[in-house]
Structures are given as C-alpha cells and as structure tokens.
Amino acid sequence: GVPQALYVDAKSVFVRPATCNELAAGIAPVTQFGRMCAKLGIRLIVAKSPEAKGRVERVHGTNQDRLVKKLRRVGIGTYADANQYLGATYWPAHRARFAVAPLEAADFHLPLNPHLDLAHVFCLEEQRVVGKDWVVRYDNRALQIVPTARAKRHTGPNGRILVRETRAGDVLLVA
C-alpha cells in the first residue's frame, strides 16, 4: 500500500524555497520527490522543531554511520553485494534492536490506485517553453514538435509543455 504521510526533514530533496516567480504567482514550490508523493497521495510532514529535526537526523545518521562501517568490515565493495547484505543481515538486525511495536496492529496504508501508471509517477518532470521553431530544449537536446492541428490546440510557440523522463530513459512531451 501507500503511506498516508511521510515525516521528513527540511532537506532540499523534500522541500525547497520558492523562487521569485513562484512567490509572485502564488505557486507552492515542489521538488521532484514532493511531486511524486503528491501523485501517490502521500502528505509530507516537515520536521520543524529542533527536537523533530534531531529525531529524523539521528535515524539517518545512525544508518549512515553504522552501515558504512559494517560494509567495510565484511569487505563489501559492489552495489549488488551491499543490497544482498542489507536484506539478509543489516535490516533484520537493525529492526531487532531498534524497532518499536505499534500501539495498534491495524495497517493504515492506503491502497494503490490501480489506474496509476507508476512509470509516470517515478519520473523526472520539468516545465519547458516551446520555441518559435516548435523546439523544446531538454538535457542538452533539441526535441522537435511536429506542429499538427492537435499540437496547435494544446500548445504552440512560447507555450509551456511538460517534459517527462522515465527511469527507462524515455522522454515524453505532455501538453
């Protein structure tokens, strides 16, 4: 299922300050991670008090500090070996030591929307402006839009278009 909320710190991966244009337009700034969470219906709860920030940082710091040392100690040097070690050894031992049983056994995860295409959730998205020559620039590439009647209805020169790059490397233009 999908969690209802995630408790995060104020790192720029999760939240970011608004740009001048966003402030002027009254648009809430969203990171790629925040956009993905919004599509899944996950609310981000940003830790703002020093105590809350410390709680989040301690968990991350504990894992980063312990994990790096343990990987070195057992001679792991590849991602595949590290992933195997995480699943078989590290996480079971970490949970046994630090896990706290929930007060209620109920699972509050929400079901995943079956109509949601996860390839279009877990992707990078950026707004781009269509040039006068019907070209969109993205990732050092020029993407030509064929100016068909349908394309002219949805966008045109100086119009905005969404460029979506999937994990597989496919680049899609969404009007």
C-alpha atoms as a PDB file:
ATOM      1  CA  GLY A   1       0.000   0.000   0.000  1.00  0.00           C
ATOM      2  CA  VAL A   2       0.835   3.677   0.100  1.00  0.00           C
ATOM      3  CA  PRO A   3       1.640   5.502   3.345  1.00  0.00           C
ATOM      4  CA  GLN A   4      -0.674   8.368   4.224  1.00  0.00           C
ATOM      5  CA  ALA A   5       2.213  10.631   5.251  1.00  0.00           C
ATOM      6  CA  LEU A   6       6.000  10.742   5.487  1.00  0.00           C
ATOM      7  CA  TYR A   7       7.873  12.514   8.276  1.00  0.00           C
ATOM      8  CA  VAL A   8      10.871  14.229   6.648  1.00  0.00           C
ATOM      9  CA  ASP A   9      13.475  16.819   7.472  1.00  0.00           C
ATOM     10  CA  ALA A  10      13.736  20.125   5.614  1.00  0.00           C
ATOM     11  CA  LYS A  11      16.400  18.988   3.137  1.00  0.00           C
ATOM     12  CA  SER A  12      16.074  20.263  -0.411  1.00  0.00           C
ATOM     13  CA  VAL A  13      15.159  16.779  -1.663  1.00  0.00           C
ATOM     14  CA  PHE A  14      11.848  17.032   0.187  1.00  0.00           C
ATOM     15  CA  VAL A  15      11.054  20.763   0.232  1.00  0.00           C
ATOM     16  CA  ARG A  16      12.617  23.860  -1.280  1.00  0.00           C
ATOM     17  CA  PRO A  17      12.171  27.607  -1.009  1.00  0.00           C
ATOM     18  CA  ALA A  18      10.022  29.336  -3.623  1.00  0.00           C
ATOM     19  CA  THR A  19      11.635  31.226  -6.486  1.00  0.00           C
ATOM     20  CA  CYS A  20      10.762  34.891  -7.090  1.00  0.00           C
ATOM     21  CA  ASN A  21       8.427  33.905  -9.951  1.00  0.00           C
ATOM     22  CA  GLU A  22       6.661  31.310  -7.776  1.00  0.00           C
ATOM     23  CA  LEU A  23       6.224  33.827  -4.970  1.00  0.00           C
ATOM     24  CA  ALA A  24       4.786  36.411  -7.379  1.00  0.00           C
ATOM     25  CA  ALA A  25       2.376  33.870  -8.901  1.00  0.00           C
ATOM     26  CA  GLY A  26       1.413  32.347  -5.548  1.00  0.00           C
ATOM     27  CA  ILE A  27       2.650  28.917  -6.627  1.00  0.00           C
ATOM     28  CA  ALA A  28       3.785  26.473  -3.934  1.00  0.00           C
ATOM     29  CA  PRO A  29       7.303  25.165  -4.651  1.00  0.00           C
ATOM     30  CA  VAL A  30       7.502  21.415  -5.201  1.00  0.00           C
ATOM     31  CA  THR A  31      10.527  19.143  -5.569  1.00  0.00           C
ATOM     32  CA  GLN A  32      10.581  16.064  -7.795  1.00  0.00           C
ATOM     33  CA  PHE A  33      10.153  13.927  -4.654  1.00  0.00           C
ATOM     34  CA  GLY A  34       7.269  16.091  -3.426  1.00  0.00           C
ATOM     35  CA  ARG A  35       5.561  15.834  -6.823  1.00  0.00           C
ATOM     36  CA  MET A  36       5.846  12.035  -6.769  1.00  0.00           C
ATOM     37  CA  CYS A  37       4.392  11.929  -3.253  1.00  0.00           C
ATOM     38  CA  ALA A  38       1.516  14.195  -4.307  1.00  0.00           C
ATOM     39  CA  LYS A  39       0.672  11.890  -7.225  1.00  0.00           C
ATOM     40  CA  LEU A  40       0.569   8.954  -4.811  1.00  0.00           C
ATOM     41  CA  GLY A  41      -1.494  10.912  -2.272  1.00  0.00           C
ATOM     42  CA  ILE A  42       1.272  10.977   0.347  1.00  0.00           C
ATOM     43  CA  ARG A  43       1.369  14.022   2.632  1.00  0.00           C
ATOM     44  CA  LEU A  44       4.833  15.284   3.579  1.00  0.00           C
ATOM     45  CA  ILE A  45       5.178  16.349   7.212  1.00  0.00           C
ATOM     46  CA  VAL A  46       8.290  18.512   7.521  1.00  0.00           C
ATOM     47  CA  ALA A  47      10.106  18.384  10.849  1.00  0.00           C
ATOM     48  CA  LYS A  48      10.449  21.994  12.001  1.00  0.00           C
ATOM     49  CA  SER A  49      11.297  21.916  15.699  1.00  0.00           C
ATOM     50  CA  PRO A  50      14.874  21.176  16.797  1.00  0.00           C
ATOM     51  CA  GLU A  51      13.676  18.020  18.569  1.00  0.00           C
ATOM     52  CA  ALA A  52      11.894  16.716  15.484  1.00  0.00           C
ATOM     53  CA  LYS A  53      14.843  17.534  13.226  1.00  0.00           C
ATOM     54  CA  GLY A  54      17.134  15.728  15.632  1.00  0.00           C
ATOM     55  CA  ARG A  55      14.912  12.659  15.613  1.00  0.00           C
ATOM     56  CA  VAL A  56      14.995  12.438  11.810  1.00  0.00           C
ATOM     57  CA  GLU A  57      18.733  13.185  11.651  1.00  0.00           C
ATOM     58  CA  ARG A  58      19.547  10.584  14.316  1.00  0.00           C
ATOM     59  CA  VAL A  59      17.873   7.834  12.313  1.00  0.00           C
ATOM     60  CA  HIS A  60      19.676   8.800   9.107  1.00  0.00           C
ATOM     61  CA  GLY A  61      22.970   9.353  10.926  1.00  0.00           C
ATOM     62  CA  THR A  62      22.717   6.021  12.721  1.00  0.00           C
ATOM     63  CA  ASN A  63      22.200   4.138   9.481  1.00  0.00           C
ATOM     64  CA  GLN A  64      24.883   6.046   7.573  1.00  0.00           C
ATOM     65  CA  ASP A  65      27.458   5.678  10.338  1.00  0.00           C
ATOM     66  CA  ARG A  66      26.807   2.009  11.117  1.00  0.00           C
ATOM     67  CA  LEU A  67      26.190   0.824   7.594  1.00  0.00           C
ATOM     68  CA  VAL A  68      29.381   2.217   6.053  1.00  0.00           C
ATOM     69  CA  LYS A  69      31.495   0.706   8.823  1.00  0.00           C
ATOM     70  CA  LYS A  70      29.779  -2.668   8.612  1.00  0.00           C
ATOM     71  CA  LEU A  71      30.113  -2.811   4.821  1.00  0.00           C
ATOM     72  CA  ARG A  72      33.840  -2.119   5.111  1.00  0.00           C
ATOM     73  CA  ARG A  73      34.245  -4.671   7.903  1.00  0.00           C
ATOM     74  CA  VAL A  74      32.728  -7.508   5.846  1.00  0.00           C
ATOM     75  CA  GLY A  75      34.592  -6.476   2.657  1.00  0.00           C
ATOM     76  CA  ILE A  76      31.613  -5.448   0.534  1.00  0.00           C
ATOM     77  CA  GLY A  77      32.502  -3.316  -2.485  1.00  0.00           C
ATOM     78  CA  THR A  78      29.651  -3.638  -5.006  1.00  0.00           C
ATOM     79  CA  TYR A  79      26.037  -2.456  -5.041  1.00  0.00           C
ATOM     80  CA  ALA A  80      24.774  -5.999  -5.600  1.00  0.00           C
ATOM     81  CA  ASP A  81      26.683  -7.325  -2.579  1.00  0.00           C
ATOM     82  CA  ALA A  82      25.558  -4.338  -0.470  1.00  0.00           C
ATOM     83  CA  ASN A  83      21.898  -4.897  -1.375  1.00  0.00           C
ATOM     84  CA  GLN A  84      22.211  -8.599  -0.538  1.00  0.00           C
ATOM     85  CA  TYR A  85      23.800  -7.733   2.827  1.00  0.00           C
ATOM     86  CA  LEU A  86      21.107  -5.131   3.596  1.00  0.00           C
ATOM     87  CA  GLY A  87      18.233  -7.546   3.020  1.00  0.00           C
ATOM     88  CA  ALA A  88      19.765 -10.621   4.620  1.00  0.00           C
ATOM     89  CA  THR A  89      21.749  -9.211   7.552  1.00  0.00           C
ATOM     90  CA  TYR A  90      21.702  -5.463   8.264  1.00  0.00           C
ATOM     91  CA  TRP A  91      17.974  -4.617   8.281  1.00  0.00           C
ATOM     92  CA  PRO A  92      16.883  -7.712  10.263  1.00  0.00           C
ATOM     93  CA  ALA A  93      19.497  -6.962  12.966  1.00  0.00           C
ATOM     94  CA  HIS A  94      18.668  -3.227  12.931  1.00  0.00           C
ATOM     95  CA  ARG A  95      14.934  -3.903  13.311  1.00  0.00           C
ATOM     96  CA  ALA A  96      15.526  -6.414  16.104  1.00  0.00           C
ATOM     97  CA  ARG A  97      17.495  -3.783  18.024  1.00  0.00           C
ATOM     98  CA  PHE A  98      15.580  -0.564  17.315  1.00  0.00           C
ATOM     99  CA  ALA A  99      12.044  -1.445  16.191  1.00  0.00           C
ATOM    100  CA  VAL A 100       9.166  -0.340  18.389  1.00  0.00           C
ATOM    101  CA  ALA A 101       5.915  -2.244  18.150  1.00  0.00           C
ATOM    102  CA  PRO A 102       2.965  -0.114  17.041  1.00  0.00           C
ATOM    103  CA  LEU A 103       0.201   0.637  19.512  1.00  0.00           C
ATOM    104  CA  GLU A 104      -2.338  -0.775  17.042  1.00  0.00           C
ATOM    105  CA  ALA A 105      -1.834  -3.684  14.688  1.00  0.00           C
ATOM    106  CA  ALA A 106      -4.032  -2.094  12.003  1.00  0.00           C
ATOM    107  CA  ASP A 107      -2.393  -1.251   8.677  1.00  0.00           C
ATOM    108  CA  PHE A 108      -3.190   2.348   7.790  1.00  0.00           C
ATOM    109  CA  HIS A 109      -1.561   2.254   4.350  1.00  0.00           C
ATOM    110  CA  LEU A 110      -3.881   3.298   1.543  1.00  0.00           C
ATOM    111  CA  PRO A 111      -4.376   1.008  -1.456  1.00  0.00           C
ATOM    112  CA  LEU A 112      -2.501   1.983  -4.601  1.00  0.00           C
ATOM    113  CA  ASN A 113      -4.715   3.443  -7.298  1.00  0.00           C
ATOM    114  CA  PRO A 114      -4.854   0.637  -9.926  1.00  0.00           C
ATOM    115  CA  HIS A 115      -5.177   3.196 -12.741  1.00  0.00           C
ATOM    116  CA  LEU A 116      -1.954   4.939 -11.747  1.00  0.00           C
ATOM    117  CA  ASP A 117       0.962   4.284 -14.125  1.00  0.00           C
ATOM    118  CA  LEU A 118       3.975   4.166 -11.792  1.00  0.00           C
ATOM    119  CA  ALA A 119       6.353   4.837 -14.696  1.00  0.00           C
ATOM    120  CA  HIS A 120       4.728   8.281 -14.897  1.00  0.00           C
ATOM    121  CA  VAL A 121       4.902   8.778 -11.140  1.00  0.00           C
ATOM    122  CA  PHE A 122       8.546   7.821 -10.570  1.00  0.00           C
ATOM    123  CA  CYS A 123       9.987  10.004 -13.299  1.00  0.00           C
ATOM    124  CA  LEU A 124      11.545  13.428 -13.688  1.00  0.00           C
ATOM    125  CA  GLU A 125       9.295  16.249 -14.857  1.00  0.00           C
ATOM    126  CA  GLU A 126      10.180  19.767 -15.932  1.00  0.00           C
ATOM    127  CA  GLN A 127       8.173  22.565 -17.491  1.00  0.00           C
ATOM    128  CA  ARG A 128       9.764  23.918 -20.686  1.00  0.00           C
ATOM    129  CA  VAL A 129       8.865  26.675 -23.117  1.00  0.00           C
ATOM    130  CA  VAL A 130       8.224  25.762 -26.753  1.00  0.00           C
ATOM    131  CA  GLY A 131      10.452  27.808 -29.064  1.00  0.00           C
ATOM    132  CA  LYS A 132       9.232  29.745 -32.076  1.00  0.00           C
ATOM    133  CA  ASP A 133      10.577  26.896 -34.226  1.00  0.00           C
ATOM    134  CA  TRP A 134       8.484  24.351 -32.249  1.00  0.00           C
ATOM    135  CA  VAL A 135      11.613  23.038 -30.493  1.00  0.00           C
ATOM    136  CA  VAL A 136      11.857  22.198 -26.795  1.00  0.00           C
ATOM    137  CA  ARG A 137      15.309  22.133 -25.206  1.00  0.00           C
ATOM    138  CA  TYR A 138      15.922  19.431 -22.609  1.00  0.00           C
ATOM    139  CA  ASP A 139      19.083  17.773 -21.292  1.00  0.00           C
ATOM    140  CA  ASN A 140      21.317  19.291 -23.991  1.00  0.00           C
ATOM    141  CA  ARG A 141      18.943  18.064 -26.678  1.00  0.00           C
ATOM    142  CA  ALA A 142      16.568  19.784 -29.048  1.00  0.00           C
ATOM    143  CA  LEU A 143      13.204  17.999 -29.199  1.00  0.00           C
ATOM    144  CA  GLN A 144      11.208  18.905 -32.306  1.00  0.00           C
ATOM    145  CA  ILE A 145       7.424  19.063 -32.019  1.00  0.00           C
ATOM    146  CA  VAL A 146       5.560  18.475 -35.250  1.00  0.00           C
ATOM    147  CA  PRO A 147       3.064  21.383 -35.469  1.00  0.00           C
ATOM    148  CA  THR A 148      -0.070  19.324 -36.167  1.00  0.00           C
ATOM    149  CA  ALA A 149      -3.578  20.633 -35.606  1.00  0.00           C
ATOM    150  CA  ARG A 150      -3.734  18.739 -32.274  1.00  0.00           C
ATOM    151  CA  ALA A 151      -0.397  20.160 -31.136  1.00  0.00           C
ATOM    152  CA  LYS A 152      -1.530  23.676 -32.072  1.00  0.00           C
ATOM    153  CA  ARG A 153      -4.670  23.262 -29.911  1.00  0.00           C
ATOM    154  CA  HIS A 154      -2.651  22.294 -26.832  1.00  0.00           C
ATOM    155  CA  THR A 155       0.477  24.401 -27.147  1.00  0.00           C
ATOM    156  CA  GLY A 156       2.470  26.496 -29.559  1.00  0.00           C
ATOM    157  CA  PRO A 157       5.454  28.789 -29.725  1.00  0.00           C
ATOM    158  CA  ASN A 158       6.065  30.405 -26.323  1.00  0.00           C
ATOM    159  CA  GLY A 159       3.631  27.915 -24.770  1.00  0.00           C
ATOM    160  CA  ARG A 160       4.573  25.644 -21.891  1.00  0.00           C
ATOM    161  CA  ILE A 161       4.967  21.898 -22.172  1.00  0.00           C
ATOM    162  CA  LEU A 162       5.837  19.230 -19.619  1.00  0.00           C
ATOM    163  CA  VAL A 163       8.916  17.119 -20.365  1.00  0.00           C
ATOM    164  CA  ARG A 164       8.759  13.771 -18.597  1.00  0.00           C
ATOM    165  CA  GLU A 165      11.798  11.458 -18.417  1.00  0.00           C
ATOM    166  CA  THR A 166      11.103   7.928 -17.206  1.00  0.00           C
ATOM    167  CA  ARG A 167      13.506   5.664 -15.374  1.00  0.00           C
ATOM    168  CA  ALA A 168      13.962   3.698 -18.594  1.00  0.00           C
ATOM    169  CA  GLY A 169      15.266   6.893 -20.254  1.00  0.00           C
ATOM    170  CA  ASP A 170      12.184   7.563 -22.382  1.00  0.00           C
ATOM    171  CA  VAL A 171      11.463  11.267 -22.885  1.00  0.00           C
ATOM    172  CA  LEU A 172       7.810  12.242 -23.345  1.00  0.00           C
ATOM    173  CA  LEU A 173       6.290  15.638 -24.077  1.00  0.00           C
ATOM    174  CA  VAL A 174       2.962  16.227 -22.343  1.00  0.00           C
ATOM    175  CA  ALA A 175       0.845  19.229 -23.299  1.00  0.00           C
END
